[in-house]
Amino acid sequence: MRPILPILGLLIAFAGCTSLRQVPRSELKADSTLEKVRVATFDGYEYRFDRVEVDADTLNGYFTVTVERSQGPEVWYEDEARVHRIPTAQVARIELVRKDPVKTAFYGASLAAAGYLLFTLVEEPSPEPRISGGGGKGGGVIP
């Protein structure tokens, strides 16, 4: 049971939780670039982009797609950059996706406390039963 604790700690440390921070439309300036963005439109669509470049009247959202290529019997996969353009008039909301160390620490501490509680409550069964050796009625095996 003990070797699993460091492994869980490493998973928590490297996983990280994220949070969304909404960008007001007033902060959108032409020729600005935003990284790791979620864009929602008035049509109800939601897009996730690796990078967004803001033009005067358009958001250019860049994302990566894995494409299968083949030539004869050989098959391989390549990442291909794509762009999707959205008029700023159709944009309802822009949110930046950021790692949140406070949320990660909270969940990590909660998981560590639950693991510690579980570890202390679970007793390993003894290999041999204890035998009572004293008076009273019956004697016998004590669980």
C-alpha atoms as a PDB file:
ATOM      1  CA  MET A   1       0.000   0.000   0.000  1.00  0.00           C
ATOM      2  CA  ARG A   2       2.814   2.445   0.810  1.00  0.00           C
ATOM      3  CA  PRO A   3       4.507   2.459  -2.640  1.00  0.00           C
ATOM      4  CA  ILE A   4       1.297   3.802  -4.158  1.00  0.00           C
ATOM      5  CA  LEU A   5       1.367   7.016  -2.091  1.00  0.00           C
ATOM      6  CA  PRO A   6       4.355   8.630  -3.889  1.00  0.00           C
ATOM      7  CA  ILE A   7       2.875   7.665  -7.235  1.00  0.00           C
ATOM      8  CA  LEU A   8      -0.450   9.328  -6.350  1.00  0.00           C
ATOM      9  CA  GLY A   9       1.435  12.408  -5.160  1.00  0.00           C
ATOM     10  CA  LEU A  10       3.255  12.704  -8.491  1.00  0.00           C
ATOM     11  CA  LEU A  11       0.021  12.283 -10.436  1.00  0.00           C
ATOM     12  CA  ILE A  12      -1.596  15.091  -8.471  1.00  0.00           C
ATOM     13  CA  ALA A  13       1.429  17.351  -8.863  1.00  0.00           C
ATOM     14  CA  PHE A  14       1.604  16.969 -12.636  1.00  0.00           C
ATOM     15  CA  ALA A  15      -2.114  16.775 -13.421  1.00  0.00           C
ATOM     16  CA  GLY A  16      -3.167  20.242 -12.357  1.00  0.00           C
ATOM     17  CA  CYS A  17      -6.639  21.708 -12.373  1.00  0.00           C
ATOM     18  CA  THR A  18      -7.709  24.457 -14.723  1.00  0.00           C
ATOM     19  CA  SER A  19      -9.947  27.458 -14.405  1.00  0.00           C
ATOM     20  CA  LEU A  20     -11.560  29.766 -16.941  1.00  0.00           C
ATOM     21  CA  ARG A  21     -11.135  33.535 -16.911  1.00  0.00           C
ATOM     22  CA  GLN A  22     -13.540  35.482 -19.076  1.00  0.00           C
ATOM     23  CA  VAL A  23     -12.015  38.195 -21.256  1.00  0.00           C
ATOM     24  CA  PRO A  24     -14.190  41.322 -21.562  1.00  0.00           C
ATOM     25  CA  ARG A  25     -14.802  42.521 -25.109  1.00  0.00           C
ATOM     26  CA  SER A  26     -13.246  45.857 -24.157  1.00  0.00           C
ATOM     27  CA  GLU A  27      -9.879  44.114 -23.676  1.00  0.00           C
ATOM     28  CA  LEU A  28      -9.877  42.666 -27.188  1.00  0.00           C
ATOM     29  CA  LYS A  29      -7.467  44.778 -29.198  1.00  0.00           C
ATOM     30  CA  ALA A  30      -6.600  44.327 -32.859  1.00  0.00           C
ATOM     31  CA  ASP A  31      -3.282  42.535 -33.427  1.00  0.00           C
ATOM     32  CA  SER A  32      -3.373  40.869 -29.997  1.00  0.00           C
ATOM     33  CA  THR A  33      -2.802  37.157 -29.406  1.00  0.00           C
ATOM     34  CA  LEU A  34      -4.379  34.940 -26.758  1.00  0.00           C
ATOM     35  CA  GLU A  35      -3.194  31.413 -25.840  1.00  0.00           C
ATOM     36  CA  LYS A  36      -5.433  28.439 -24.870  1.00  0.00           C
ATOM     37  CA  VAL A  37      -8.812  30.014 -25.492  1.00  0.00           C
ATOM     38  CA  ARG A  38     -12.428  28.852 -25.426  1.00  0.00           C
ATOM     39  CA  VAL A  39     -14.788  30.865 -27.642  1.00  0.00           C
ATOM     40  CA  ALA A  40     -18.602  30.678 -27.473  1.00  0.00           C
ATOM     41  CA  THR A  41     -20.770  32.176 -30.212  1.00  0.00           C
ATOM     42  CA  PHE A  42     -24.322  33.490 -30.177  1.00  0.00           C
ATOM     43  CA  ASP A  43     -25.237  30.519 -32.433  1.00  0.00           C
ATOM     44  CA  GLY A  44     -24.544  28.180 -29.494  1.00  0.00           C
ATOM     45  CA  TYR A  45     -21.253  26.770 -30.788  1.00  0.00           C
ATOM     46  CA  GLU A  46     -18.211  26.472 -28.585  1.00  0.00           C
ATOM     47  CA  TYR A  47     -14.649  26.277 -29.900  1.00  0.00           C
ATOM     48  CA  ARG A  48     -11.342  25.499 -28.198  1.00  0.00           C
ATOM     49  CA  PHE A  49      -8.268  26.988 -29.779  1.00  0.00           C
ATOM     50  CA  ASP A  50      -4.563  26.687 -29.045  1.00  0.00           C
ATOM     51  CA  ARG A  51      -4.120  30.325 -30.068  1.00  0.00           C
ATOM     52  CA  VAL A  52      -6.387  33.179 -31.147  1.00  0.00           C
ATOM     53  CA  GLU A  53      -5.235  36.219 -33.103  1.00  0.00           C
ATOM     54  CA  VAL A  54      -7.554  39.205 -32.986  1.00  0.00           C
ATOM     55  CA  ASP A  55      -8.060  41.294 -36.121  1.00  0.00           C
ATOM     56  CA  ALA A  56     -10.262  44.386 -36.423  1.00  0.00           C
ATOM     57  CA  ASP A  57     -13.455  42.396 -37.089  1.00  0.00           C
ATOM     58  CA  THR A  58     -12.398  38.710 -36.940  1.00  0.00           C
ATOM     59  CA  LEU A  59     -11.015  36.172 -34.493  1.00  0.00           C
ATOM     60  CA  ASN A  60      -8.578  33.753 -36.114  1.00  0.00           C
ATOM     61  CA  GLY A  61      -8.521  30.590 -34.027  1.00  0.00           C
ATOM     62  CA  TYR A  62      -5.645  28.164 -34.567  1.00  0.00           C
ATOM     63  CA  PHE A  63      -5.875  24.499 -33.590  1.00  0.00           C
ATOM     64  CA  THR A  64      -4.113  21.233 -34.407  1.00  0.00           C
ATOM     65  CA  VAL A  65      -5.631  18.185 -36.090  1.00  0.00           C
ATOM     66  CA  THR A  66      -3.964  14.773 -36.389  1.00  0.00           C
ATOM     67  CA  VAL A  67      -4.200  13.587 -39.988  1.00  0.00           C
ATOM     68  CA  GLU A  68      -3.630  10.058 -41.281  1.00  0.00           C
ATOM     69  CA  ARG A  69      -1.358   9.883 -44.307  1.00  0.00           C
ATOM     70  CA  SER A  70      -0.568   6.856 -46.437  1.00  0.00           C
ATOM     71  CA  GLN A  71       1.618   5.984 -49.351  1.00  0.00           C
ATOM     72  CA  GLY A  72       1.386   2.420 -50.571  1.00  0.00           C
ATOM     73  CA  PRO A  73       1.502   0.067 -47.564  1.00  0.00           C
ATOM     74  CA  GLU A  74       2.929   2.727 -45.229  1.00  0.00           C
ATOM     75  CA  VAL A  75       0.652   4.685 -42.895  1.00  0.00           C
ATOM     76  CA  TRP A  76       1.728   7.562 -40.638  1.00  0.00           C
ATOM     77  CA  TYR A  77       0.147  10.379 -38.676  1.00  0.00           C
ATOM     78  CA  GLU A  78       0.995  14.068 -38.776  1.00  0.00           C
ATOM     79  CA  ASP A  79      -0.215  17.051 -36.799  1.00  0.00           C
ATOM     80  CA  GLU A  80      -1.606  19.694 -39.104  1.00  0.00           C
ATOM     81  CA  ALA A  81      -2.308  23.296 -38.099  1.00  0.00           C
ATOM     82  CA  ARG A  82      -5.726  24.660 -39.041  1.00  0.00           C
ATOM     83  CA  VAL A  83      -7.402  28.033 -38.681  1.00  0.00           C
ATOM     84  CA  HIS A  84     -11.067  28.878 -38.108  1.00  0.00           C
ATOM     85  CA  ARG A  85     -12.260  32.466 -38.578  1.00  0.00           C
ATOM     86  CA  ILE A  86     -15.146  33.862 -36.519  1.00  0.00           C
ATOM     87  CA  PRO A  87     -16.553  37.376 -36.976  1.00  0.00           C
ATOM     88  CA  THR A  88     -16.298  39.283 -33.681  1.00  0.00           C
ATOM     89  CA  ALA A  89     -19.986  40.224 -33.986  1.00  0.00           C
ATOM     90  CA  GLN A  90     -20.867  36.524 -33.498  1.00  0.00           C
ATOM     91  CA  VAL A  91     -18.670  36.058 -30.400  1.00  0.00           C
ATOM     92  CA  ALA A  92     -20.696  35.785 -27.189  1.00  0.00           C
ATOM     93  CA  ARG A  93     -17.872  34.933 -24.783  1.00  0.00           C
ATOM     94  CA  ILE A  94     -14.108  34.428 -24.741  1.00  0.00           C
ATOM     95  CA  GLU A  95     -12.473  32.540 -21.886  1.00  0.00           C
ATOM     96  CA  LEU A  96      -8.819  31.858 -21.174  1.00  0.00           C
ATOM     97  CA  VAL A  97      -8.002  28.368 -19.897  1.00  0.00           C
ATOM     98  CA  ARG A  98      -5.380  28.601 -17.147  1.00  0.00           C
ATOM     99  CA  LYS A  99      -3.854  26.176 -14.650  1.00  0.00           C
ATOM    100  CA  ASP A 100      -5.112  26.864 -11.150  1.00  0.00           C
ATOM    101  CA  PRO A 101      -2.531  25.927  -8.488  1.00  0.00           C
ATOM    102  CA  VAL A 102      -4.905  26.757  -5.599  1.00  0.00           C
ATOM    103  CA  LYS A 103      -7.573  24.369  -6.877  1.00  0.00           C
ATOM    104  CA  THR A 104      -4.911  21.706  -7.510  1.00  0.00           C
ATOM    105  CA  ALA A 105      -3.543  22.083  -3.978  1.00  0.00           C
ATOM    106  CA  PHE A 106      -7.042  21.878  -2.491  1.00  0.00           C
ATOM    107  CA  TYR A 107      -7.924  18.682  -4.370  1.00  0.00           C
ATOM    108  CA  GLY A 108      -4.489  17.217  -3.686  1.00  0.00           C
ATOM    109  CA  ALA A 109      -4.762  17.900   0.063  1.00  0.00           C
ATOM    110  CA  SER A 110      -8.275  16.436   0.118  1.00  0.00           C
ATOM    111  CA  LEU A 111      -7.130  13.312  -1.688  1.00  0.00           C
ATOM    112  CA  ALA A 112      -4.090  12.970   0.594  1.00  0.00           C
ATOM    113  CA  ALA A 113      -6.289  13.317   3.704  1.00  0.00           C
ATOM    114  CA  ALA A 114      -8.742  10.721   2.390  1.00  0.00           C
ATOM    115  CA  GLY A 115      -5.868   8.380   1.551  1.00  0.00           C
ATOM    116  CA  TYR A 116      -4.312   8.829   4.984  1.00  0.00           C
ATOM    117  CA  LEU A 117      -7.664   8.176   6.671  1.00  0.00           C
ATOM    118  CA  LEU A 118      -8.219   5.065   4.586  1.00  0.00           C
ATOM    119  CA  PHE A 119      -4.666   3.872   5.241  1.00  0.00           C
ATOM    120  CA  THR A 120      -5.019   4.273   9.021  1.00  0.00           C
ATOM    121  CA  LEU A 121      -8.450   2.643   9.163  1.00  0.00           C
ATOM    122  CA  VAL A 122      -7.524  -0.461   7.228  1.00  0.00           C
ATOM    123  CA  GLU A 123      -5.799  -3.058   9.361  1.00  0.00           C
ATOM    124  CA  GLU A 124      -3.975  -5.968   7.861  1.00  0.00           C
ATOM    125  CA  PRO A 125      -5.408  -9.276   9.088  1.00  0.00           C
ATOM    126  CA  SER A 126      -3.086 -11.177  11.398  1.00  0.00           C
ATOM    127  CA  PRO A 127      -1.744 -14.399   9.892  1.00  0.00           C
ATOM    128  CA  GLU A 128      -2.692 -16.570  12.897  1.00  0.00           C
ATOM    129  CA  PRO A 129      -5.707 -16.261  15.199  1.00  0.00           C
ATOM    130  CA  ARG A 130      -5.034 -15.436  18.836  1.00  0.00           C
ATOM    131  CA  ILE A 131      -6.094 -18.066  21.359  1.00  0.00           C
ATOM    132  CA  SER A 132      -7.360 -17.008  24.738  1.00  0.00           C
ATOM    133  CA  GLY A 133      -5.696 -18.826  27.518  1.00  0.00           C
ATOM    134  CA  GLY A 134      -7.715 -17.897  30.509  1.00  0.00           C
ATOM    135  CA  GLY A 135     -10.634 -18.734  32.635  1.00  0.00           C
ATOM    136  CA  GLY A 136     -14.186 -18.168  31.955  1.00  0.00           C
ATOM    137  CA  LYS A 137     -16.422 -20.276  29.897  1.00  0.00           C
ATOM    138  CA  GLY A 138     -15.381 -21.724  26.667  1.00  0.00           C
ATOM    139  CA  GLY A 139     -11.996 -20.229  25.897  1.00  0.00           C
ATOM    140  CA  GLY A 140     -11.522 -20.333  22.167  1.00  0.00           C
ATOM    141  CA  VAL A 141     -10.507 -18.140  19.293  1.00  0.00           C
ATOM    142  CA  ILE A 142     -10.711 -14.386  19.611  1.00  0.00           C
ATOM    143  CA  PRO A 143     -11.390 -12.685  16.326  1.00  0.00           C
END
